[in-house]
Structure formats: structure tokens, C-alpha cells
N, C-alpha and C. Protein backbone atom coordinates (compact mmCIF):
# COMPACT_ATOMS: atom_id res chain seq x y z
N MET A 1 0.82 20.07 34.45
CA MET A 1 0.40 20.12 33.57
C MET A 1 1.09 20.62 32.17
N ASN A 2 2.24 20.95 31.89
CA ASN A 2 2.74 21.48 30.79
C ASN A 2 2.77 20.02 30.22
N LYS A 3 3.46 18.93 30.69
CA LYS A 3 3.66 17.66 29.94
C LYS A 3 2.54 17.50 29.44
N LEU A 4 1.14 17.61 30.10
CA LEU A 4 -0.22 16.72 29.55
C LEU A 4 -0.29 17.61 28.24
N LEU A 5 -0.10 19.00 28.32
CA LEU A 5 -0.51 19.57 27.06
C LEU A 5 0.11 19.52 25.90
N TYR A 6 1.51 19.15 26.56
CA TYR A 6 2.57 18.87 25.30
C TYR A 6 2.45 17.49 24.62
N SER A 7 1.78 16.90 25.59
CA SER A 7 1.52 15.13 24.99
C SER A 7 0.34 15.48 24.39
N LEU A 8 -0.90 16.21 24.37
CA LEU A 8 -2.00 16.12 23.47
C LEU A 8 -1.61 16.97 22.39
N LEU A 9 -0.53 18.00 22.37
CA LEU A 9 -0.17 18.98 21.22
C LEU A 9 0.06 17.63 20.31
N ALA A 10 1.14 17.00 21.01
CA ALA A 10 1.86 16.35 19.80
C ALA A 10 1.27 14.72 19.07
N ALA A 11 0.14 14.53 19.99
CA ALA A 11 -0.91 13.50 19.61
C ALA A 11 -1.54 14.27 18.33
N THR A 12 -2.23 15.25 18.64
CA THR A 12 -2.75 15.72 17.46
C THR A 12 -2.02 16.34 16.43
N TRP A 13 -0.97 16.67 16.56
CA TRP A 13 0.27 16.75 15.36
C TRP A 13 0.44 16.07 14.73
N CYS A 14 0.77 14.72 15.33
CA CYS A 14 0.79 13.42 14.80
C CYS A 14 0.02 12.63 13.62
N SER A 15 -1.11 12.93 14.43
CA SER A 15 -2.60 12.62 14.05
C SER A 15 -2.87 13.58 12.44
N LEU A 16 -2.66 14.56 12.56
CA LEU A 16 -2.79 15.35 11.36
C LEU A 16 -1.83 15.41 10.47
N ALA A 17 -0.37 15.05 10.68
CA ALA A 17 0.58 14.83 9.63
C ALA A 17 0.42 13.22 9.24
N GLN A 18 -0.21 12.61 9.09
CA GLN A 18 -0.26 11.61 8.53
C GLN A 18 -1.49 11.71 7.55
N ALA A 19 -0.36 11.59 6.51
CA ALA A 19 -1.42 12.06 5.51
C ALA A 19 -1.83 10.49 4.74
N GLU A 20 -3.21 10.73 3.70
CA GLU A 20 -3.60 10.12 2.70
C GLU A 20 -2.90 9.43 1.99
N ILE A 21 -3.23 7.99 1.26
CA ILE A 21 -2.77 7.10 0.80
C ILE A 21 -3.43 7.05 -0.29
N ALA A 22 -2.63 7.02 -1.31
CA ALA A 22 -3.59 6.78 -2.81
C ALA A 22 -2.75 5.24 -3.46
N VAL A 23 -3.91 4.46 -3.87
CA VAL A 23 -3.31 3.55 -4.50
C VAL A 23 -3.34 3.46 -5.81
N ILE A 24 -2.27 3.20 -6.52
CA ILE A 24 -2.45 3.48 -8.01
C ILE A 24 -1.70 2.21 -9.05
N VAL A 25 -2.01 2.62 -10.17
CA VAL A 25 -1.80 1.38 -11.21
C VAL A 25 -1.27 2.39 -12.26
N HIS A 26 -0.87 1.98 -13.49
CA HIS A 26 -0.49 2.22 -14.76
C HIS A 26 -1.41 3.18 -15.01
N PRO A 27 -0.95 4.28 -15.89
CA PRO A 27 -2.02 5.07 -16.60
C PRO A 27 -3.20 4.62 -17.65
N SER A 28 -2.57 3.08 -18.53
CA SER A 28 -3.43 3.18 -19.06
C SER A 28 -4.39 1.42 -18.51
N SER A 29 -4.05 1.35 -17.48
CA SER A 29 -5.08 0.23 -17.14
C SER A 29 -6.39 0.59 -16.99
N ALA A 30 -7.21 -0.95 -17.27
CA ALA A 30 -8.54 -0.75 -17.96
C ALA A 30 -8.88 -0.56 -16.09
N ILE A 31 -9.00 -0.62 -15.43
CA ILE A 31 -9.08 -0.62 -14.00
C ILE A 31 -9.22 1.11 -13.22
N ASP A 32 -10.61 1.16 -12.77
CA ASP A 32 -10.67 2.62 -12.41
C ASP A 32 -10.93 3.00 -11.48
N ALA A 33 -11.14 1.64 -10.63
CA ALA A 33 -11.66 2.17 -9.29
C ALA A 33 -11.55 0.57 -8.53
N LEU A 34 -10.48 0.33 -7.25
CA LEU A 34 -10.73 -1.09 -6.74
C LEU A 34 -11.15 -0.68 -5.15
N THR A 35 -12.12 -1.71 -4.91
CA THR A 35 -12.40 -1.61 -3.31
C THR A 35 -11.20 -2.56 -2.07
N GLU A 36 -11.28 -1.62 -0.97
CA GLU A 36 -10.33 -2.28 -0.02
C GLU A 36 -10.40 -3.65 0.15
N ASP A 37 -11.61 -4.80 -0.09
CA ASP A 37 -11.46 -5.83 -0.16
C ASP A 37 -10.38 -6.72 -1.87
N ASP A 38 -10.43 -5.81 -2.60
CA ASP A 38 -9.57 -6.39 -3.91
C ASP A 38 -8.43 -5.91 -3.49
N VAL A 39 -8.01 -5.09 -2.73
CA VAL A 39 -6.76 -4.51 -2.68
C VAL A 39 -5.76 -5.52 -1.85
N ALA A 40 -6.40 -5.77 -0.56
CA ALA A 40 -6.19 -6.66 0.60
C ALA A 40 -5.87 -7.84 0.05
N ARG A 41 -7.22 -8.31 -1.04
CA ARG A 41 -6.08 -9.98 -1.55
C ARG A 41 -5.13 -9.99 -1.99
N LEU A 42 -5.19 -9.01 -3.14
CA LEU A 42 -4.14 -8.88 -4.14
C LEU A 42 -2.68 -8.66 -3.11
N TYR A 43 -2.62 -8.07 -1.96
CA TYR A 43 -1.42 -7.65 -1.12
C TYR A 43 -1.21 -9.25 0.02
N LEU A 44 -2.52 -9.52 0.25
CA LEU A 44 -2.08 -10.67 0.95
C LEU A 44 -2.14 -12.44 -0.02
N GLY A 45 -2.23 -11.90 -1.07
CA GLY A 45 -1.76 -13.38 -2.03
C GLY A 45 -3.04 -14.11 -1.81
N LYS A 46 -4.03 -13.69 -2.18
CA LYS A 46 -5.11 -14.55 -2.55
C LYS A 46 -6.15 -14.17 -3.47
N SER A 47 -5.35 -13.58 -4.29
CA SER A 47 -5.98 -12.94 -5.81
C SER A 47 -4.32 -12.80 -6.13
N LYS A 48 -4.65 -12.88 -7.64
CA LYS A 48 -3.03 -12.77 -8.91
C LYS A 48 -3.58 -11.95 -9.96
N SER A 49 -5.28 -11.25 -9.81
CA SER A 49 -5.61 -10.83 -10.48
C SER A 49 -6.22 -9.52 -10.05
N PHE A 50 -6.78 -8.55 -11.25
CA PHE A 50 -7.75 -7.46 -10.91
C PHE A 50 -8.67 -8.46 -10.88
N PRO A 51 -10.06 -7.50 -10.52
CA PRO A 51 -11.75 -7.90 -10.93
C PRO A 51 -11.79 -8.61 -12.36
N ASN A 52 -11.09 -7.44 -13.37
CA ASN A 52 -11.20 -7.61 -14.47
C ASN A 52 -10.90 -8.84 -15.33
N GLY A 53 -9.80 -9.66 -14.67
CA GLY A 53 -9.45 -10.98 -14.97
C GLY A 53 -7.62 -10.38 -15.35
N ASP A 54 -7.43 -9.21 -15.74
CA ASP A 54 -5.98 -8.88 -15.99
C ASP A 54 -5.24 -9.17 -14.82
N GLN A 55 -3.58 -9.38 -15.16
CA GLN A 55 -2.63 -9.78 -13.76
C GLN A 55 -2.57 -9.01 -13.14
N ALA A 56 -2.30 -9.05 -11.89
CA ALA A 56 -2.33 -7.97 -11.44
C ALA A 56 -0.53 -8.17 -10.22
N THR A 57 0.70 -7.48 -9.93
CA THR A 57 1.65 -7.30 -8.90
C THR A 57 1.87 -6.35 -8.44
N PRO A 58 1.52 -6.55 -7.47
CA PRO A 58 1.67 -6.11 -5.82
C PRO A 58 2.95 -5.64 -6.02
N LEU A 59 3.19 -4.29 -5.52
CA LEU A 59 4.27 -3.95 -4.63
C LEU A 59 4.14 -3.44 -3.75
N ASN A 60 5.26 -3.01 -2.70
CA ASN A 60 5.15 -2.60 -1.51
C ASN A 60 6.00 -1.47 -1.08
N GLN A 61 6.13 -1.00 -0.68
CA GLN A 61 7.16 0.21 0.12
C GLN A 61 7.92 -0.69 0.71
N GLU A 62 9.18 -0.58 1.39
CA GLU A 62 10.00 -1.07 2.29
C GLU A 62 9.95 -1.13 3.86
N GLU A 63 9.71 -2.08 4.24
CA GLU A 63 9.71 -2.76 5.85
C GLU A 63 10.15 -1.17 6.41
N GLY A 64 9.39 -1.04 7.31
CA GLY A 64 9.86 0.50 8.09
C GLY A 64 9.21 1.41 7.55
N SER A 65 8.81 1.65 6.58
CA SER A 65 8.29 2.64 5.75
C SER A 65 6.91 3.17 6.34
N ALA A 66 7.06 4.29 7.09
CA ALA A 66 5.36 4.64 7.75
C ALA A 66 4.38 4.48 6.90
N THR A 67 4.72 4.36 5.55
CA THR A 67 3.34 4.36 4.36
C THR A 67 2.93 3.15 4.47
N ARG A 68 4.25 1.97 4.17
CA ARG A 68 3.36 0.76 4.13
C ARG A 68 2.96 0.06 5.36
N GLN A 69 3.20 0.76 6.83
CA GLN A 69 2.78 -0.06 8.24
C GLN A 69 0.96 1.08 7.72
N ALA A 70 0.43 2.00 7.81
CA ALA A 70 -0.11 2.86 7.50
C ALA A 70 -1.18 1.82 6.42
N PHE A 71 -0.50 1.82 5.53
CA PHE A 71 -1.55 1.14 4.38
C PHE A 71 -1.94 -0.42 4.85
N HIS A 72 -0.93 -1.16 5.65
CA HIS A 72 -1.18 -2.54 5.81
C HIS A 72 -2.46 -2.49 6.66
N GLU A 73 -2.20 -1.44 7.69
CA GLU A 73 -3.07 -1.51 9.21
C GLU A 73 -4.51 -1.35 8.39
N GLN A 74 -4.20 -0.29 7.43
CA GLN A 74 -6.04 0.06 7.21
C GLN A 74 -6.34 -1.04 6.08
N VAL A 75 -5.79 -1.41 5.18
CA VAL A 75 -6.61 -2.48 4.34
C VAL A 75 -6.08 -4.16 4.35
N THR A 76 -5.24 -4.39 4.59
CA THR A 76 -4.87 -5.63 4.98
C THR A 76 -5.20 -6.02 6.54
N LYS A 77 -5.59 -5.40 7.65
CA LYS A 77 -6.04 -5.08 8.99
C LYS A 77 -4.38 -5.82 9.56
N LYS A 78 -3.43 -5.79 9.29
CA LYS A 78 -2.07 -6.44 10.04
C LYS A 78 -1.36 -5.81 10.09
N ASN A 79 -0.34 -5.37 11.16
CA ASN A 79 0.62 -4.49 11.63
C ASN A 79 1.90 -5.27 11.16
N PRO A 80 2.93 -4.45 10.98
CA PRO A 80 4.07 -4.82 10.66
C PRO A 80 4.34 -6.36 10.80
N SER A 81 4.42 -6.71 12.35
CA SER A 81 5.22 -7.82 12.57
C SER A 81 3.79 -9.27 12.07
N GLN A 82 2.44 -9.04 12.12
CA GLN A 82 1.86 -9.69 11.39
C GLN A 82 1.62 -10.16 10.26
N TYR A 83 1.73 -8.77 9.41
CA TYR A 83 2.34 -8.86 7.88
C TYR A 83 3.34 -9.99 7.49
N LYS A 84 4.39 -9.68 8.38
CA LYS A 84 5.98 -10.30 7.84
C LYS A 84 5.37 -11.93 8.72
N ALA A 85 4.58 -12.31 9.19
CA ALA A 85 4.38 -13.89 9.67
C ALA A 85 3.45 -14.66 8.81
N TYR A 86 2.49 -13.31 8.25
CA TYR A 86 1.80 -14.12 7.30
C TYR A 86 2.75 -14.93 6.00
N TRP A 87 3.30 -13.87 5.45
CA TRP A 87 3.83 -13.77 4.54
C TRP A 87 5.10 -15.29 4.43
N SER A 88 5.70 -15.17 5.98
CA SER A 88 6.51 -15.96 6.33
C SER A 88 5.67 -17.23 6.30
N GLN A 89 5.04 -17.69 6.92
CA GLN A 89 4.11 -18.68 6.73
C GLN A 89 3.77 -19.37 5.25
N LEU A 90 3.12 -18.25 4.33
CA LEU A 90 2.79 -19.09 2.87
C LEU A 90 4.29 -19.17 2.61
N VAL A 91 5.64 -18.53 2.51
CA VAL A 91 6.22 -19.26 1.76
C VAL A 91 7.09 -20.44 2.70
N PHE A 92 7.39 -20.19 3.54
CA PHE A 92 7.23 -21.89 4.30
C PHE A 92 6.40 -22.98 4.02
N THR A 93 4.83 -22.79 3.50
CA THR A 93 4.90 -23.66 3.26
C THR A 93 4.49 -24.04 1.70
N GLY A 94 4.89 -23.06 0.75
CA GLY A 94 5.05 -23.17 -0.63
C GLY A 94 3.90 -22.49 -1.24
N LYS A 95 3.34 -21.89 -0.55
CA LYS A 95 1.70 -20.99 -1.03
C LYS A 95 2.03 -20.03 -1.83
N GLY A 96 2.75 -19.18 -1.34
CA GLY A 96 2.70 -17.93 -1.89
C GLY A 96 4.47 -17.11 -1.91
N THR A 97 4.63 -16.03 -2.43
CA THR A 97 5.85 -14.96 -2.31
C THR A 97 5.16 -13.82 -2.02
N PRO A 98 6.02 -13.25 -1.28
CA PRO A 98 5.32 -11.87 -0.97
C PRO A 98 5.69 -10.49 -2.07
N PRO A 99 4.43 -9.88 -2.26
CA PRO A 99 4.93 -8.48 -3.00
C PRO A 99 6.42 -8.05 -2.85
N LYS A 100 7.12 -7.86 -4.18
CA LYS A 100 8.46 -7.08 -4.34
C LYS A 100 8.16 -5.83 -3.81
N GLU A 101 9.23 -4.98 -3.46
CA GLU A 101 9.27 -3.61 -2.40
C GLU A 101 10.38 -2.88 -3.37
N ALA A 102 10.14 -1.94 -3.26
CA ALA A 102 10.61 -0.41 -3.37
C ALA A 102 11.12 0.63 -2.59
N ALA A 103 11.74 0.87 -2.30
CA ALA A 103 12.48 2.14 -1.49
C ALA A 103 11.26 2.96 -0.85
N ASN A 104 10.95 3.87 -1.85
CA ASN A 104 9.73 4.99 -1.34
C ASN A 104 8.88 5.07 -2.35
N ASP A 105 8.17 6.66 -2.05
CA ASP A 105 6.93 6.97 -2.89
C ASP A 105 7.53 6.73 -4.35
N GLY A 106 8.46 7.48 -4.68
CA GLY A 106 8.86 7.50 -5.87
C GLY A 106 9.30 6.44 -6.73
N ALA A 107 9.96 5.50 -5.87
CA ALA A 107 10.52 4.43 -6.66
C ALA A 107 9.48 3.62 -7.03
N VAL A 108 8.35 3.63 -5.85
CA VAL A 108 6.65 2.84 -6.26
C VAL A 108 6.30 3.41 -7.55
N LYS A 109 6.44 4.69 -7.38
CA LYS A 109 5.49 5.71 -8.90
C LYS A 109 6.26 4.89 -9.92
N SER A 110 7.67 5.23 -10.14
CA SER A 110 8.27 4.67 -11.20
C SER A 110 8.30 3.79 -11.70
N MET A 111 8.13 2.87 -10.63
CA MET A 111 7.81 0.81 -11.26
C MET A 111 6.34 1.05 -11.75
N VAL A 112 5.38 1.41 -11.17
CA VAL A 112 4.25 1.62 -11.40
C VAL A 112 4.45 2.11 -12.75
N ALA A 113 4.35 2.95 -12.87
CA ALA A 113 4.59 4.16 -14.15
C ALA A 113 4.92 2.84 -15.54
N ALA A 114 6.26 2.24 -15.34
CA ALA A 114 6.84 1.79 -15.89
C ALA A 114 6.48 0.32 -16.52
N ASN A 115 5.55 -0.11 -15.50
CA ASN A 115 5.06 -1.58 -15.31
C ASN A 115 3.61 -1.84 -15.78
N PRO A 116 3.07 -1.97 -16.74
CA PRO A 116 1.14 -2.28 -16.50
C PRO A 116 1.05 -3.27 -16.07
N GLY A 117 0.11 -3.21 -14.93
CA GLY A 117 -0.44 -4.53 -14.41
C GLY A 117 0.55 -4.46 -12.84
N THR A 118 1.29 -3.59 -12.54
CA THR A 118 1.79 -3.34 -11.13
C THR A 118 0.65 -2.41 -10.57
N ILE A 119 0.78 -2.99 -9.44
CA ILE A 119 -0.50 -2.23 -8.61
C ILE A 119 0.77 -1.77 -7.53
N GLY A 120 0.56 -0.23 -6.62
CA GLY A 120 1.21 0.18 -5.45
C GLY A 120 0.40 1.37 -4.42
N TYR A 121 1.46 1.74 -3.89
CA TYR A 121 0.63 2.90 -2.81
C TYR A 121 1.58 3.62 -2.50
N ILE A 122 1.40 4.84 -2.60
CA ILE A 122 2.06 6.41 -2.21
C ILE A 122 1.56 7.38 -1.59
N ASP A 123 2.22 7.93 -0.90
CA ASP A 123 1.36 9.12 0.01
C ASP A 123 0.89 10.18 -1.38
N ALA A 124 -0.41 10.35 -1.03
CA ALA A 124 -1.66 10.92 -2.02
C ALA A 124 -0.58 12.50 -2.66
N GLY A 125 -0.23 13.19 -1.92
CA GLY A 125 0.79 14.38 -2.53
C GLY A 125 1.56 13.50 -3.34
N ALA A 126 2.35 12.78 -3.47
CA ALA A 126 3.16 12.30 -4.47
C ALA A 126 2.20 11.82 -6.15
N VAL A 127 1.53 11.45 -6.16
CA VAL A 127 0.99 11.93 -7.12
C VAL A 127 0.91 12.42 -8.22
N ASP A 128 1.29 11.98 -9.78
CA ASP A 128 1.36 12.74 -10.99
C ASP A 128 0.36 12.02 -11.83
N SER A 129 0.69 12.69 -13.23
CA SER A 129 0.03 11.81 -14.34
C SER A 129 0.33 10.95 -14.78
N SER A 130 2.11 10.00 -14.53
CA SER A 130 2.24 9.21 -14.55
C SER A 130 1.44 7.84 -14.15
N VAL A 131 0.90 8.29 -13.05
CA VAL A 131 0.02 6.88 -12.82
C VAL A 131 -1.77 7.48 -12.44
N LYS A 132 -2.54 6.35 -12.15
CA LYS A 132 -3.66 6.49 -12.10
C LYS A 132 -3.77 5.97 -10.55
N VAL A 133 -4.79 6.50 -9.71
CA VAL A 133 -4.85 6.78 -8.48
C VAL A 133 -6.84 5.63 -8.60
N VAL A 134 -6.86 4.23 -8.03
CA VAL A 134 -7.71 3.54 -8.31
C VAL A 134 -8.46 3.26 -6.88
N MET A 135 -7.81 3.67 -5.36
CA MET A 135 -8.59 4.19 -4.37
C MET A 135 -7.64 4.83 -3.44
N LYS A 136 -8.38 5.33 -2.24
CA LYS A 136 -7.85 6.16 -1.20
C LYS A 136 -7.78 5.87 0.24
N VAL A 137 -6.53 5.64 0.75
CA VAL A 137 -6.62 5.19 1.88
C VAL A 137 -6.73 6.11 3.02
N PRO A 138 -7.34 6.87 3.64
CA PRO A 138 -7.76 7.61 4.76
C PRO A 138 -6.05 7.69 5.54
């Protein structure tokens, strides 16, 4: 009985611990909001620009990051191995280059804040005035 209770409490705590993810762009961007489909198309290499036509450069968190895993499962509908296989196929056939990576929330935020046209995702708690939130992932 104690093991069952512990397991239930651990599962509940883990689900509560997952934070909201903010999709971010440079604060001067003309983009104020994006749909999940818009963002998925950028991260799957199906589009190279924002809906308004401005060039977009997606930025991933590093492989193995919990934020990256949650983002891709929600937005691109791919788990880590599916996402890697997807991009391996595109690279092998010469049809695309995967998004660059940054180490963590701070690195993504810094790169987005310094490079107009870059789009990234971070824990919503890490958002500040150096970036603009265009979508939230629950």
C-alpha cells in the first residue's frame, strides 16, 4: 500500500513540476502571436519564414533537455528519437538542416534577444523583457 501511495504522489508531483513553455522571438519582431502549426512548420523545416514573410531561424535547446522533449512532444508531435530520425532523413536526402542548438533557457534567451529573426523556446518562468512571447505550450 505504501508503494502505491508513494508512486501516486511521485507521479502527481512530476506532472505538477512540468512548467509552461514560452515560444519567444526578438522584442522588435513584428510577430505578436504564432499558432502551434506555424511553430511546428518552422521546427520541422517545412517553412523558413514567419507567416508575415520575415525570415525565421529556429533554435532548439540541447538534446536531452526536458524542455526540448516537452516542446517537441506537444508542438511537433515527435518524441526525441522520432525528431532525430526525422531530421536525419532530411539531412541524408539533402532536404534540410536541423535547427541549431543552445545549452539551456539562458542561452536560448540570449541568442533570441541578440538575433532578430530567431525563434526559440524556454521555460515560461525565465521570460523577461529581452524577448517577446508569441505562444505558450502548456
